[in-house]
């Protein structure tokens, strides 16, 4: 059962345990980017990411939260727009991400989707999201739902992120935050802590070997120039 004439032996590689378990490890705090999906003055997805950022700091991470206000619609401006560049620079900086969206009409918000759509699959030969960890959360105006986080998971897979198993969905979010805009103690808060704890663990486990984890036989067969041309090809 070892007859594989279709394989390019030059590019086929068995897993290398030395690369999977390197001796050296990065010592800097895990770098986590948080995105939220609402521009309301009292945005519960923003408040949720702020609570998550506080927990991430307690877990030893460094965080940045992107404010989507002023971000143009995808393709409405060139990619050198300052707000677009800010988002892309933060994605490149990050080693993991948190995406938190409200559910609107049974889906993630357009604001959330616009941010993700501005993140390219490729910048030259570099894929800015590939191999990075991702946690997904949503806030609900009514009863608990999982529509938005299910969609975020699909997008995370499409962006080639390592999306962690745990997730958080908060029903009736207006009841979960006090007048001080802080999240009240509850099982929903505890679940958010679980998600952030898992995100940091997965980030620490994978950030040193992320390029190797997503190294692919099919792409090793392509030259860098061919890969760039294919990934950046526009529909005509």
C-alpha atoms as a PDB file:
ATOM      1  CA  UNK A   1       0.000   0.000   0.000  1.00  0.00           C
ATOM      2  CA  UNK A   2       2.939   2.359  -0.544  1.00  0.00           C
ATOM      3  CA  UNK A   3       2.632   2.734  -4.311  1.00  0.00           C
ATOM      4  CA  UNK A   4       2.039   6.478  -4.840  1.00  0.00           C
ATOM      5  CA  UNK A   5       3.321   7.402  -8.316  1.00  0.00           C
ATOM      6  CA  UNK A   6       1.244  10.609  -8.206  1.00  0.00           C
ATOM      7  CA  UNK A   7       3.420  12.090  -5.473  1.00  0.00           C
ATOM      8  CA  UNK A   8       6.239  14.507  -6.126  1.00  0.00           C
ATOM      9  CA  UNK A   9       8.947  12.937  -3.993  1.00  0.00           C
ATOM     10  CA  UNK A  10      10.900  16.183  -4.013  1.00  0.00           C
ATOM     11  CA  UNK A  11       8.116  17.950  -2.113  1.00  0.00           C
ATOM     12  CA  UNK A  12       6.575  15.139  -0.053  1.00  0.00           C
ATOM     13  CA  UNK A  13       7.610  15.229   3.629  1.00  0.00           C
ATOM     14  CA  UNK A  14       6.790  13.036   6.610  1.00  0.00           C
ATOM     15  CA  UNK A  15       6.034  14.950   9.846  1.00  0.00           C
ATOM     16  CA  UNK A  16       9.216  16.236  11.461  1.00  0.00           C
ATOM     17  CA  UNK A  17       8.944  15.917  15.243  1.00  0.00           C
ATOM     18  CA  UNK A  18      11.948  18.195  15.714  1.00  0.00           C
ATOM     19  CA  UNK A  19       9.996  20.995  14.037  1.00  0.00           C
ATOM     20  CA  UNK A  20       6.807  20.136  15.910  1.00  0.00           C
ATOM     21  CA  UNK A  21       8.582  20.185  19.279  1.00  0.00           C
ATOM     22  CA  UNK A  22      11.404  22.740  19.013  1.00  0.00           C
ATOM     23  CA  UNK A  23      13.815  23.280  21.896  1.00  0.00           C
ATOM     24  CA  UNK A  24      13.399  27.059  21.973  1.00  0.00           C
ATOM     25  CA  UNK A  25      10.177  28.924  22.695  1.00  0.00           C
ATOM     26  CA  UNK A  26       9.180  32.554  22.319  1.00  0.00           C
ATOM     27  CA  UNK A  27       9.037  34.297  25.697  1.00  0.00           C
ATOM     28  CA  UNK A  28       7.079  37.458  24.858  1.00  0.00           C
ATOM     29  CA  UNK A  29       3.411  37.794  25.898  1.00  0.00           C
ATOM     30  CA  UNK A  30       0.937  36.263  23.426  1.00  0.00           C
ATOM     31  CA  UNK A  31      -0.278  39.000  21.080  1.00  0.00           C
ATOM     32  CA  UNK A  32      -4.077  38.986  20.736  1.00  0.00           C
ATOM     33  CA  UNK A  33      -6.201  41.203  18.455  1.00  0.00           C
ATOM     34  CA  UNK A  34      -9.872  41.689  19.362  1.00  0.00           C
ATOM     35  CA  UNK A  35     -12.552  42.647  16.806  1.00  0.00           C
ATOM     36  CA  UNK A  36     -16.162  43.530  17.619  1.00  0.00           C
ATOM     37  CA  UNK A  37     -19.167  44.050  15.378  1.00  0.00           C
ATOM     38  CA  UNK A  38     -21.258  47.039  16.443  1.00  0.00           C
ATOM     39  CA  UNK A  39     -20.920  50.831  16.371  1.00  0.00           C
ATOM     40  CA  UNK A  40     -23.678  51.545  18.879  1.00  0.00           C
ATOM     41  CA  UNK A  41     -22.765  53.915  21.699  1.00  0.00           C
ATOM     42  CA  UNK A  42     -23.441  51.081  24.145  1.00  0.00           C
ATOM     43  CA  UNK A  43     -22.221  48.184  22.062  1.00  0.00           C
ATOM     44  CA  UNK A  44     -22.458  44.918  23.941  1.00  0.00           C
ATOM     45  CA  UNK A  45     -20.039  43.203  21.565  1.00  0.00           C
ATOM     46  CA  UNK A  46     -17.524  45.953  22.387  1.00  0.00           C
ATOM     47  CA  UNK A  47     -18.197  45.621  26.110  1.00  0.00           C
ATOM     48  CA  UNK A  48     -17.753  41.862  25.785  1.00  0.00           C
ATOM     49  CA  UNK A  49     -14.372  42.276  24.072  1.00  0.00           C
ATOM     50  CA  UNK A  50     -13.317  44.740  26.770  1.00  0.00           C
ATOM     51  CA  UNK A  51     -14.098  42.132  29.427  1.00  0.00           C
ATOM     52  CA  UNK A  52     -12.230  39.534  27.385  1.00  0.00           C
ATOM     53  CA  UNK A  53      -9.224  41.854  27.087  1.00  0.00           C
ATOM     54  CA  UNK A  54      -9.119  42.285  30.865  1.00  0.00           C
ATOM     55  CA  UNK A  55      -9.059  38.514  31.318  1.00  0.00           C
ATOM     56  CA  UNK A  56      -6.422  38.114  28.609  1.00  0.00           C
ATOM     57  CA  UNK A  57      -4.185  40.598  30.440  1.00  0.00           C
ATOM     58  CA  UNK A  58      -4.605  38.586  33.636  1.00  0.00           C
ATOM     59  CA  UNK A  59      -3.550  35.521  31.638  1.00  0.00           C
ATOM     60  CA  UNK A  60      -0.363  37.265  30.533  1.00  0.00           C
ATOM     61  CA  UNK A  61      -1.345  38.368  27.013  1.00  0.00           C
ATOM     62  CA  UNK A  62      -0.811  41.673  25.236  1.00  0.00           C
ATOM     63  CA  UNK A  63      -3.954  42.919  23.486  1.00  0.00           C
ATOM     64  CA  UNK A  64      -5.145  45.444  20.940  1.00  0.00           C
ATOM     65  CA  UNK A  65      -8.829  46.108  20.226  1.00  0.00           C
ATOM     66  CA  UNK A  66      -9.672  47.505  16.792  1.00  0.00           C
ATOM     67  CA  UNK A  67     -12.344  50.213  16.639  1.00  0.00           C
ATOM     68  CA  UNK A  68     -14.255  49.672  13.362  1.00  0.00           C
ATOM     69  CA  UNK A  69     -15.709  53.204  13.317  1.00  0.00           C
ATOM     70  CA  UNK A  70     -14.667  54.877  10.087  1.00  0.00           C
ATOM     71  CA  UNK A  71     -13.669  51.666   8.319  1.00  0.00           C
ATOM     72  CA  UNK A  72     -14.908  51.953   4.696  1.00  0.00           C
ATOM     73  CA  UNK A  73     -16.925  49.249   3.020  1.00  0.00           C
ATOM     74  CA  UNK A  74     -14.756  46.639   1.314  1.00  0.00           C
ATOM     75  CA  UNK A  75     -13.655  47.736  -2.176  1.00  0.00           C
ATOM     76  CA  UNK A  76     -15.125  51.240  -1.696  1.00  0.00           C
ATOM     77  CA  UNK A  77     -11.598  52.646  -1.262  1.00  0.00           C
ATOM     78  CA  UNK A  78      -8.083  51.467  -1.973  1.00  0.00           C
ATOM     79  CA  UNK A  79      -6.310  49.252   0.549  1.00  0.00           C
ATOM     80  CA  UNK A  80      -3.951  52.092   1.488  1.00  0.00           C
ATOM     81  CA  UNK A  81      -6.779  53.809   3.401  1.00  0.00           C
ATOM     82  CA  UNK A  82      -5.411  54.548   6.921  1.00  0.00           C
ATOM     83  CA  UNK A  83      -8.147  52.601   8.688  1.00  0.00           C
ATOM     84  CA  UNK A  84      -7.644  49.565   6.461  1.00  0.00           C
ATOM     85  CA  UNK A  85      -3.885  49.717   6.963  1.00  0.00           C
ATOM     86  CA  UNK A  86      -4.351  49.945  10.726  1.00  0.00           C
ATOM     87  CA  UNK A  87      -6.483  46.804  10.712  1.00  0.00           C
ATOM     88  CA  UNK A  88      -4.051  44.901   8.491  1.00  0.00           C
ATOM     89  CA  UNK A  89      -1.056  45.969  10.572  1.00  0.00           C
ATOM     90  CA  UNK A  90      -2.767  44.702  13.730  1.00  0.00           C
ATOM     91  CA  UNK A  91      -3.616  41.376  12.090  1.00  0.00           C
ATOM     92  CA  UNK A  92       0.023  40.991  11.030  1.00  0.00           C
ATOM     93  CA  UNK A  93       1.162  41.884  14.569  1.00  0.00           C
ATOM     94  CA  UNK A  94      -1.163  39.402  16.238  1.00  0.00           C
ATOM     95  CA  UNK A  95      -0.570  35.753  17.077  1.00  0.00           C
ATOM     96  CA  UNK A  96      -4.229  35.116  17.917  1.00  0.00           C
ATOM     97  CA  UNK A  97      -7.577  36.852  17.526  1.00  0.00           C
ATOM     98  CA  UNK A  98     -10.975  37.201  19.186  1.00  0.00           C
ATOM     99  CA  UNK A  99     -13.983  37.890  16.958  1.00  0.00           C
ATOM    100  CA  UNK A 100     -17.161  38.969  18.764  1.00  0.00           C
ATOM    101  CA  UNK A 101     -20.312  39.874  16.846  1.00  0.00           C
ATOM    102  CA  UNK A 102     -23.892  40.663  17.722  1.00  0.00           C
ATOM    103  CA  UNK A 103     -26.472  38.552  15.937  1.00  0.00           C
ATOM    104  CA  UNK A 104     -28.573  40.652  13.574  1.00  0.00           C
ATOM    105  CA  UNK A 105     -31.289  39.104  11.412  1.00  0.00           C
ATOM    106  CA  UNK A 106     -29.921  35.672  12.261  1.00  0.00           C
ATOM    107  CA  UNK A 107     -26.374  36.437  11.171  1.00  0.00           C
ATOM    108  CA  UNK A 108     -23.213  38.318  12.053  1.00  0.00           C
ATOM    109  CA  UNK A 109     -23.381  42.057  11.453  1.00  0.00           C
ATOM    110  CA  UNK A 110     -22.172  43.734   8.287  1.00  0.00           C
ATOM    111  CA  UNK A 111     -19.670  45.648  10.414  1.00  0.00           C
ATOM    112  CA  UNK A 112     -18.123  42.388  11.571  1.00  0.00           C
ATOM    113  CA  UNK A 113     -18.052  40.942   8.059  1.00  0.00           C
ATOM    114  CA  UNK A 114     -16.537  44.132   6.613  1.00  0.00           C
ATOM    115  CA  UNK A 115     -13.589  43.901   8.981  1.00  0.00           C
ATOM    116  CA  UNK A 116     -12.929  40.298   8.039  1.00  0.00           C
ATOM    117  CA  UNK A 117     -13.349  41.078   4.331  1.00  0.00           C
ATOM    118  CA  UNK A 118     -10.648  43.755   4.570  1.00  0.00           C
ATOM    119  CA  UNK A 119      -8.191  41.169   5.917  1.00  0.00           C
ATOM    120  CA  UNK A 120      -6.523  39.633   2.854  1.00  0.00           C
ATOM    121  CA  UNK A 121      -5.776  35.960   2.487  1.00  0.00           C
ATOM    122  CA  UNK A 122      -2.378  36.998   1.213  1.00  0.00           C
ATOM    123  CA  UNK A 123      -0.042  39.988   1.366  1.00  0.00           C
ATOM    124  CA  UNK A 124       2.486  39.065  -1.281  1.00  0.00           C
ATOM    125  CA  UNK A 125       3.619  35.573  -0.319  1.00  0.00           C
ATOM    126  CA  UNK A 126       2.617  36.073   3.344  1.00  0.00           C
ATOM    127  CA  UNK A 127      -0.767  34.890   4.634  1.00  0.00           C
ATOM    128  CA  UNK A 128      -1.486  37.196   7.597  1.00  0.00           C
ATOM    129  CA  UNK A 129      -4.094  34.973   9.279  1.00  0.00           C
ATOM    130  CA  UNK A 130      -2.796  31.508   8.419  1.00  0.00           C
ATOM    131  CA  UNK A 131      -1.888  29.438  11.470  1.00  0.00           C
ATOM    132  CA  UNK A 132      -3.008  32.045  13.987  1.00  0.00           C
ATOM    133  CA  UNK A 133      -5.394  31.076  16.763  1.00  0.00           C
ATOM    134  CA  UNK A 134      -8.962  32.368  16.848  1.00  0.00           C
ATOM    135  CA  UNK A 135     -11.738  32.485  19.451  1.00  0.00           C
ATOM    136  CA  UNK A 136     -15.316  33.323  18.450  1.00  0.00           C
ATOM    137  CA  UNK A 137     -18.044  34.894  20.568  1.00  0.00           C
ATOM    138  CA  UNK A 138     -21.440  36.472  20.039  1.00  0.00           C
ATOM    139  CA  UNK A 139     -23.936  38.544  21.985  1.00  0.00           C
ATOM    140  CA  UNK A 140     -27.664  38.140  21.504  1.00  0.00           C
ATOM    141  CA  UNK A 141     -30.490  40.627  21.957  1.00  0.00           C
ATOM    142  CA  UNK A 142     -32.898  37.815  22.802  1.00  0.00           C
ATOM    143  CA  UNK A 143     -32.645  34.118  23.499  1.00  0.00           C
ATOM    144  CA  UNK A 144     -29.368  32.289  23.070  1.00  0.00           C
ATOM    145  CA  UNK A 145     -28.355  31.529  19.523  1.00  0.00           C
ATOM    146  CA  UNK A 146     -25.242  30.292  17.751  1.00  0.00           C
ATOM    147  CA  UNK A 147     -25.827  31.588  14.218  1.00  0.00           C
ATOM    148  CA  UNK A 148     -23.176  34.305  14.327  1.00  0.00           C
ATOM    149  CA  UNK A 149     -20.450  32.174  15.892  1.00  0.00           C
ATOM    150  CA  UNK A 150     -21.172  29.347  13.456  1.00  0.00           C
ATOM    151  CA  UNK A 151     -20.611  31.802  10.600  1.00  0.00           C
ATOM    152  CA  UNK A 152     -17.484  33.148  12.273  1.00  0.00           C
ATOM    153  CA  UNK A 153     -16.143  29.606  12.505  1.00  0.00           C
ATOM    154  CA  UNK A 154     -16.661  29.154   8.756  1.00  0.00           C
ATOM    155  CA  UNK A 155     -14.810  32.394   8.096  1.00  0.00           C
ATOM    156  CA  UNK A 156     -12.049  31.402  10.484  1.00  0.00           C
ATOM    157  CA  UNK A 157     -11.547  28.173   8.566  1.00  0.00           C
ATOM    158  CA  UNK A 158     -11.605  30.069   5.282  1.00  0.00           C
ATOM    159  CA  UNK A 159      -8.935  32.450   6.625  1.00  0.00           C
ATOM    160  CA  UNK A 160      -6.916  29.352   7.667  1.00  0.00           C
ATOM    161  CA  UNK A 161      -6.984  30.203  11.360  1.00  0.00           C
ATOM    162  CA  UNK A 162      -6.672  27.610  14.123  1.00  0.00           C
ATOM    163  CA  UNK A 163     -10.108  28.172  15.651  1.00  0.00           C
ATOM    164  CA  UNK A 164     -10.252  26.844  19.201  1.00  0.00           C
ATOM    165  CA  UNK A 165     -13.017  24.383  20.211  1.00  0.00           C
ATOM    166  CA  UNK A 166     -14.616  26.528  22.926  1.00  0.00           C
ATOM    167  CA  UNK A 167     -16.931  29.461  22.200  1.00  0.00           C
ATOM    168  CA  UNK A 168     -19.219  31.929  23.966  1.00  0.00           C
ATOM    169  CA  UNK A 169     -22.788  33.036  23.218  1.00  0.00           C
ATOM    170  CA  UNK A 170     -24.470  35.469  25.625  1.00  0.00           C
ATOM    171  CA  UNK A 171     -28.290  35.720  25.484  1.00  0.00           C
ATOM    172  CA  UNK A 172     -30.140  38.912  26.421  1.00  0.00           C
ATOM    173  CA  UNK A 173     -26.832  40.716  26.675  1.00  0.00           C
ATOM    174  CA  UNK A 174     -28.529  43.850  28.021  1.00  0.00           C
ATOM    175  CA  UNK A 175     -29.244  41.905  31.205  1.00  0.00           C
ATOM    176  CA  UNK A 176     -25.641  40.758  31.610  1.00  0.00           C
ATOM    177  CA  UNK A 177     -24.067  44.214  31.928  1.00  0.00           C
ATOM    178  CA  UNK A 178     -24.597  46.699  34.731  1.00  0.00           C
ATOM    179  CA  UNK A 179     -24.990  50.475  34.571  1.00  0.00           C
ATOM    180  CA  UNK A 180     -21.198  50.696  34.874  1.00  0.00           C
ATOM    181  CA  UNK A 181     -20.889  48.746  31.576  1.00  0.00           C
ATOM    182  CA  UNK A 182     -19.171  45.878  33.362  1.00  0.00           C
ATOM    183  CA  UNK A 183     -20.306  42.294  32.884  1.00  0.00           C
ATOM    184  CA  UNK A 184     -22.057  40.824  35.889  1.00  0.00           C
ATOM    185  CA  UNK A 185     -20.829  37.585  37.512  1.00  0.00           C
ATOM    186  CA  UNK A 186     -22.673  34.699  35.854  1.00  0.00           C
ATOM    187  CA  UNK A 187     -22.129  31.391  34.077  1.00  0.00           C
ATOM    188  CA  UNK A 188     -21.882  33.425  30.853  1.00  0.00           C
ATOM    189  CA  UNK A 189     -18.991  35.414  32.276  1.00  0.00           C
ATOM    190  CA  UNK A 190     -17.354  32.179  33.416  1.00  0.00           C
ATOM    191  CA  UNK A 191     -17.717  30.732  29.922  1.00  0.00           C
ATOM    192  CA  UNK A 192     -16.011  33.791  28.436  1.00  0.00           C
ATOM    193  CA  UNK A 193     -13.124  33.262  30.868  1.00  0.00           C
ATOM    194  CA  UNK A 194     -12.948  29.614  29.758  1.00  0.00           C
ATOM    195  CA  UNK A 195     -12.693  30.720  26.122  1.00  0.00           C
ATOM    196  CA  UNK A 196      -9.922  33.241  26.794  1.00  0.00           C
ATOM    197  CA  UNK A 197      -7.996  30.732  28.901  1.00  0.00           C
ATOM    198  CA  UNK A 198      -8.199  28.179  26.098  1.00  0.00           C
ATOM    199  CA  UNK A 199      -7.189  30.765  23.491  1.00  0.00           C
ATOM    200  CA  UNK A 200      -4.023  31.691  25.387  1.00  0.00           C
ATOM    201  CA  UNK A 201      -3.109  28.032  25.893  1.00  0.00           C
ATOM    202  CA  UNK A 202      -3.571  27.198  22.209  1.00  0.00           C
ATOM    203  CA  UNK A 203      -1.630  30.310  21.196  1.00  0.00           C
ATOM    204  CA  UNK A 204       1.287  29.381  23.434  1.00  0.00           C
ATOM    205  CA  UNK A 205       1.211  25.823  22.094  1.00  0.00           C
ATOM    206  CA  UNK A 206       1.149  26.726  18.419  1.00  0.00           C
ATOM    207  CA  UNK A 207       2.719  30.142  17.795  1.00  0.00           C
ATOM    208  CA  UNK A 208       6.285  28.856  17.504  1.00  0.00           C
ATOM    209  CA  UNK A 209       5.335  26.144  15.038  1.00  0.00           C
ATOM    210  CA  UNK A 210       2.410  27.801  13.236  1.00  0.00           C
ATOM    211  CA  UNK A 211       4.295  28.121   9.915  1.00  0.00           C
ATOM    212  CA  UNK A 212       5.134  24.417  10.019  1.00  0.00           C
ATOM    213  CA  UNK A 213       1.614  23.351  11.021  1.00  0.00           C
ATOM    214  CA  UNK A 214       0.180  24.971   7.899  1.00  0.00           C
ATOM    215  CA  UNK A 215       3.032  24.019   5.559  1.00  0.00           C
ATOM    216  CA  UNK A 216       1.360  22.148   2.692  1.00  0.00           C
ATOM    217  CA  UNK A 217       2.568  19.614   0.169  1.00  0.00           C
ATOM    218  CA  UNK A 218       0.523  21.200  -2.648  1.00  0.00           C
ATOM    219  CA  UNK A 219       1.973  24.645  -1.992  1.00  0.00           C
ATOM    220  CA  UNK A 220       5.528  23.342  -1.723  1.00  0.00           C
ATOM    221  CA  UNK A 221       5.095  22.172  -5.299  1.00  0.00           C
ATOM    222  CA  UNK A 222       4.367  25.690  -6.468  1.00  0.00           C
ATOM    223  CA  UNK A 223       6.977  28.367  -6.898  1.00  0.00           C
ATOM    224  CA  UNK A 224       6.552  31.542  -4.880  1.00  0.00           C
ATOM    225  CA  UNK A 225       5.670  33.502  -8.010  1.00  0.00           C
ATOM    226  CA  UNK A 226       2.972  31.052  -9.061  1.00  0.00           C
ATOM    227  CA  UNK A 227       1.539  30.993  -5.547  1.00  0.00           C
ATOM    228  CA  UNK A 228       1.313  34.790  -5.368  1.00  0.00           C
ATOM    229  CA  UNK A 229      -0.349  34.967  -8.786  1.00  0.00           C
ATOM    230  CA  UNK A 230      -2.916  32.295  -7.872  1.00  0.00           C
ATOM    231  CA  UNK A 231      -3.842  33.674  -4.453  1.00  0.00           C
ATOM    232  CA  UNK A 232      -4.107  37.271  -5.688  1.00  0.00           C
ATOM    233  CA  UNK A 233      -5.930  36.427  -8.923  1.00  0.00           C
ATOM    234  CA  UNK A 234      -9.038  38.595  -9.374  1.00  0.00           C
ATOM    235  CA  UNK A 235     -12.224  37.437 -11.047  1.00  0.00           C
ATOM    236  CA  UNK A 236     -12.759  38.758 -14.544  1.00  0.00           C
END
